[in-house]
Amino acid sequence: MSGLFVAFEGGEGVGKSTQIARAAQWVRAQGRAVLETREPGGTPLGVELRRLVLDPDGHVTPRSETLLYAADRAHHVDTVIRPALDAGAVVITDRYVDSTLAYQGAGRGLGDDARRVTTWATGGLTPDLTVLLDLDPAIGLARAGARSRLDRLEGASLEFHHAVRAGFLALAAAEPERYLVVDAALAPDEIAGQVREALAARLD
């Protein structure tokens, strides 16, 4: 049985964690092995890189930031994602390539440089399905701030987060066959239902 690679993407406070947990539970109920992971932080190395890149008191330049995410992703793909896919699992990741293209490519203005670094880091591995939870950044940031102290990226300007959102939507428009774009302001049950339909189509 071949593996299936699913990425959940979106800005801050869109509800990825909730929807990933529900999607994974549904896939397991279909009798498939599931691996839930995240970027950065899906490996011990990734945990350390996550601490560095998201420290609200830290300073990381845009190019350094991009390279740190790429280092995490290269290790994550080689040691976690590809082995699980080769074993036939459904891999569900909280963030992947498109986060770098949106945050560093669009938000930081690095454009094609971010794409080249990311493509090299992944060896060209692309998700079979990318779920984009789309939400007005002002609403998402308010949600994020209500649950904990904002990290370094969450604390960036609203203008930055609007650029990130535009970056995500542009990526989805360019590859509609890979993306499911969902209004993250909908009720969680309604979002989960749309995700299940997309998963079922690809599992079949």
Protein backbone atom coordinates (compact mmCIF):
# COMPACT_ATOMS: atom_id res chain seq x y z
CA MET A 1 0.00 0.00 0.00
CA SER A 2 1.47 3.33 -1.03
CA GLY A 3 1.86 6.17 1.41
CA LEU A 4 -0.01 9.46 1.27
CA PHE A 5 1.57 12.79 2.17
CA VAL A 6 -0.70 15.52 3.56
CA ALA A 7 0.37 18.98 4.71
CA PHE A 8 -1.73 21.45 6.69
CA GLU A 9 -0.84 25.08 6.07
CA GLY A 10 -2.07 28.53 7.01
CA GLY A 11 -1.30 31.62 9.01
CA GLU A 12 -1.30 31.99 12.77
CA GLY A 13 -4.28 30.85 14.82
CA VAL A 14 -6.10 29.10 11.99
CA GLY A 15 -6.70 25.86 13.90
CA LYS A 16 -4.26 23.48 12.23
CA SER A 17 -3.62 21.40 15.36
CA THR A 18 -7.31 20.73 15.89
CA GLN A 19 -7.93 19.72 12.30
CA ILE A 20 -4.80 17.57 12.07
CA ALA A 21 -5.89 15.58 15.12
CA ARG A 22 -9.35 15.06 13.66
CA ALA A 23 -8.01 14.10 10.24
CA ALA A 24 -5.56 11.62 11.74
CA GLN A 25 -8.31 10.03 13.84
CA TRP A 26 -10.51 9.61 10.76
CA VAL A 27 -7.72 8.10 8.65
CA ARG A 28 -6.89 5.60 11.41
CA ALA A 29 -10.56 4.61 11.48
CA GLN A 30 -10.17 3.67 7.81
CA GLY A 31 -7.51 1.16 8.82
CA ARG A 32 -4.47 3.15 7.69
CA ALA A 33 -1.30 3.80 9.66
CA VAL A 34 -0.83 7.50 10.35
CA LEU A 35 2.20 9.54 11.29
CA GLU A 36 1.54 13.02 12.69
CA THR A 37 4.50 15.39 12.62
CA ARG A 38 5.34 19.07 12.35
CA GLU A 39 7.83 21.62 11.09
CA PRO A 40 9.92 22.76 12.70
CA GLY A 41 10.11 20.26 15.53
CA GLY A 42 9.36 16.84 14.06
CA THR A 43 12.78 15.49 15.09
CA PRO A 44 15.13 16.11 18.06
CA LEU A 45 17.21 18.36 15.81
CA GLY A 46 14.03 20.12 14.74
CA VAL A 47 13.09 20.83 18.35
CA GLU A 48 16.37 22.72 18.82
CA LEU A 49 15.99 24.59 15.53
CA ARG A 50 12.40 25.50 16.45
CA ARG A 51 13.60 27.01 19.70
CA LEU A 52 16.17 29.11 17.86
CA VAL A 53 13.98 30.35 15.05
CA LEU A 54 10.84 31.12 17.07
CA ASP A 55 12.39 32.62 20.22
CA PRO A 56 10.45 35.86 20.72
CA ASP A 57 13.54 37.50 22.20
CA GLY A 58 15.85 36.34 19.42
CA HIS A 59 16.96 37.98 16.18
CA VAL A 60 17.38 35.99 12.98
CA THR A 61 17.95 37.60 9.59
CA PRO A 62 15.61 36.57 6.73
CA ARG A 63 18.23 34.49 4.90
CA SER A 64 19.37 32.80 8.10
CA GLU A 65 15.75 32.11 8.98
CA THR A 66 15.18 30.47 5.61
CA LEU A 67 18.28 28.30 5.96
CA LEU A 68 17.31 27.19 9.48
CA TYR A 69 13.90 26.07 8.23
CA ALA A 70 15.57 24.33 5.29
CA ALA A 71 17.94 22.46 7.62
CA ASP A 72 15.02 21.27 9.71
CA ARG A 73 13.10 20.21 6.62
CA ALA A 74 15.99 18.32 5.01
CA HIS A 75 16.52 16.28 8.17
CA HIS A 76 12.79 15.80 8.66
CA VAL A 77 12.28 14.48 5.13
CA ASP A 78 15.27 12.14 5.25
CA THR A 79 14.67 10.67 8.71
CA VAL A 80 10.90 10.84 9.24
CA ILE A 81 8.72 11.61 6.22
CA ARG A 82 10.26 9.49 3.44
CA PRO A 83 10.71 6.37 5.61
CA ALA A 84 7.07 6.56 6.74
CA LEU A 85 5.80 7.05 3.19
CA ASP A 86 7.95 4.15 1.98
CA ALA A 87 6.33 2.00 4.69
CA GLY A 88 2.87 2.91 3.37
CA ALA A 89 1.80 5.31 6.11
CA VAL A 90 -0.32 8.42 5.74
CA VAL A 91 1.95 11.25 6.84
CA ILE A 92 0.22 14.39 8.12
CA THR A 93 2.48 17.34 8.80
CA ASP A 94 1.75 20.66 10.46
CA ARG A 95 3.55 22.93 7.95
CA TYR A 96 5.86 22.02 5.11
CA VAL A 97 7.31 23.65 1.98
CA ASP A 98 4.53 26.16 1.40
CA SER A 99 5.11 27.78 4.78
CA THR A 100 8.61 28.77 3.70
CA LEU A 101 7.33 30.00 0.34
CA ALA A 102 4.66 32.09 2.09
CA TYR A 103 6.53 33.31 5.18
CA GLN A 104 10.03 33.75 3.83
CA GLY A 105 9.31 33.94 0.10
CA ALA A 106 6.34 36.33 0.26
CA GLY A 107 6.50 37.72 3.79
CA ARG A 108 10.26 38.34 3.88
CA GLY A 109 10.48 39.10 0.17
CA LEU A 110 12.98 36.34 -0.66
CA GLY A 111 10.91 34.98 -3.55
CA ASP A 112 12.69 32.48 -5.80
CA ASP A 113 15.64 32.17 -3.40
CA ALA A 114 13.34 30.64 -0.80
CA ARG A 115 11.92 28.27 -3.41
CA ARG A 116 15.34 27.09 -4.58
CA VAL A 117 16.59 26.42 -1.06
CA THR A 118 13.42 24.59 -0.12
CA THR A 119 13.35 22.43 -3.26
CA TRP A 120 16.93 21.36 -2.64
CA ALA A 121 16.25 20.61 1.04
CA THR A 122 13.30 18.32 0.26
CA GLY A 123 14.73 16.62 -2.80
CA GLY A 124 11.57 17.73 -4.57
CA LEU A 125 9.17 15.83 -2.30
CA THR A 126 5.70 17.42 -2.65
CA PRO A 127 2.52 16.66 -0.66
CA ASP A 128 -0.29 14.74 -2.33
CA LEU A 129 -2.72 17.09 -0.59
CA THR A 130 -2.16 20.48 1.01
CA VAL A 131 -4.95 21.76 3.23
CA LEU A 132 -4.82 25.55 3.48
CA LEU A 133 -6.81 26.93 6.39
CA ASP A 134 -7.41 30.53 5.36
CA LEU A 135 -8.28 33.30 7.82
CA ASP A 136 -8.03 37.05 8.18
CA PRO A 137 -4.64 37.54 9.91
CA ALA A 138 -6.09 39.96 12.48
CA ILE A 139 -8.49 37.25 13.67
CA GLY A 140 -5.83 34.56 13.65
CA LEU A 141 -3.33 36.63 15.61
CA ALA A 142 -5.98 37.46 18.19
CA ARG A 143 -6.62 33.74 18.61
CA ALA A 144 -2.90 33.02 18.92
CA GLY A 145 -2.38 35.80 21.46
CA ALA A 146 -5.23 34.56 23.61
CA ARG A 147 -3.60 31.16 24.15
CA SER A 148 0.05 32.07 24.79
CA ARG A 149 2.79 34.62 24.37
CA LEU A 150 3.37 35.34 20.68
CA ASP A 151 6.51 33.78 19.21
CA ARG A 152 8.95 35.67 16.96
CA LEU A 153 6.95 35.09 13.77
CA GLU A 154 3.55 35.60 15.37
CA GLY A 155 4.82 38.92 16.72
CA ALA A 156 5.72 40.27 13.27
CA SER A 157 3.72 43.15 11.80
CA LEU A 158 0.18 42.76 10.52
CA GLU A 159 1.47 43.85 7.12
CA PHE A 160 3.84 40.88 7.15
CA HIS A 161 1.01 38.49 7.97
CA HIS A 162 -1.17 39.88 5.18
CA ALA A 163 1.72 39.25 2.77
CA VAL A 164 1.99 35.69 4.09
CA ARG A 165 -1.72 35.11 3.53
CA ALA A 166 -1.47 36.46 -0.01
CA GLY A 167 1.50 34.16 -0.59
CA PHE A 168 -0.45 31.10 0.52
CA LEU A 169 -3.43 32.00 -1.66
CA ALA A 170 -1.20 32.55 -4.68
CA LEU A 171 0.36 29.12 -4.20
CA ALA A 172 -3.07 27.51 -3.98
CA ALA A 173 -4.27 29.30 -7.11
CA ALA A 174 -1.21 28.04 -9.01
CA GLU A 175 -1.79 24.39 -8.05
CA PRO A 176 -5.52 23.91 -7.43
CA GLU A 177 -5.30 20.14 -7.93
CA ARG A 178 -3.02 19.82 -4.89
CA TYR A 179 -4.79 22.26 -2.59
CA LEU A 180 -7.94 22.26 -0.53
CA VAL A 181 -8.58 25.84 0.60
CA VAL A 182 -10.96 26.03 3.56
CA ASP A 183 -12.39 29.08 5.31
CA ALA A 184 -10.95 28.72 8.82
CA ALA A 185 -13.74 30.91 10.21
CA LEU A 186 -16.18 28.03 9.66
CA ALA A 187 -17.24 25.74 12.50
CA PRO A 188 -14.61 23.04 13.25
CA ASP A 189 -17.05 20.26 12.28
CA GLU A 190 -17.64 21.82 8.89
CA ILE A 191 -13.92 22.23 8.27
CA ALA A 192 -13.29 18.62 9.30
CA GLY A 193 -15.98 17.43 6.91
CA GLN A 194 -14.36 19.17 3.96
CA VAL A 195 -10.99 17.72 4.90
CA ARG A 196 -12.43 14.20 5.17
CA GLU A 197 -13.90 14.46 1.67
CA ALA A 198 -10.54 15.48 0.22
CA LEU A 199 -8.74 12.70 2.12
CA ALA A 200 -11.27 10.07 1.06
CA ALA A 201 -10.83 11.00 -2.61
CA ARG A 202 -7.07 10.53 -2.37
CA LEU A 203 -7.17 7.38 -0.24
CA ASP A 204 -9.44 5.77 -2.84
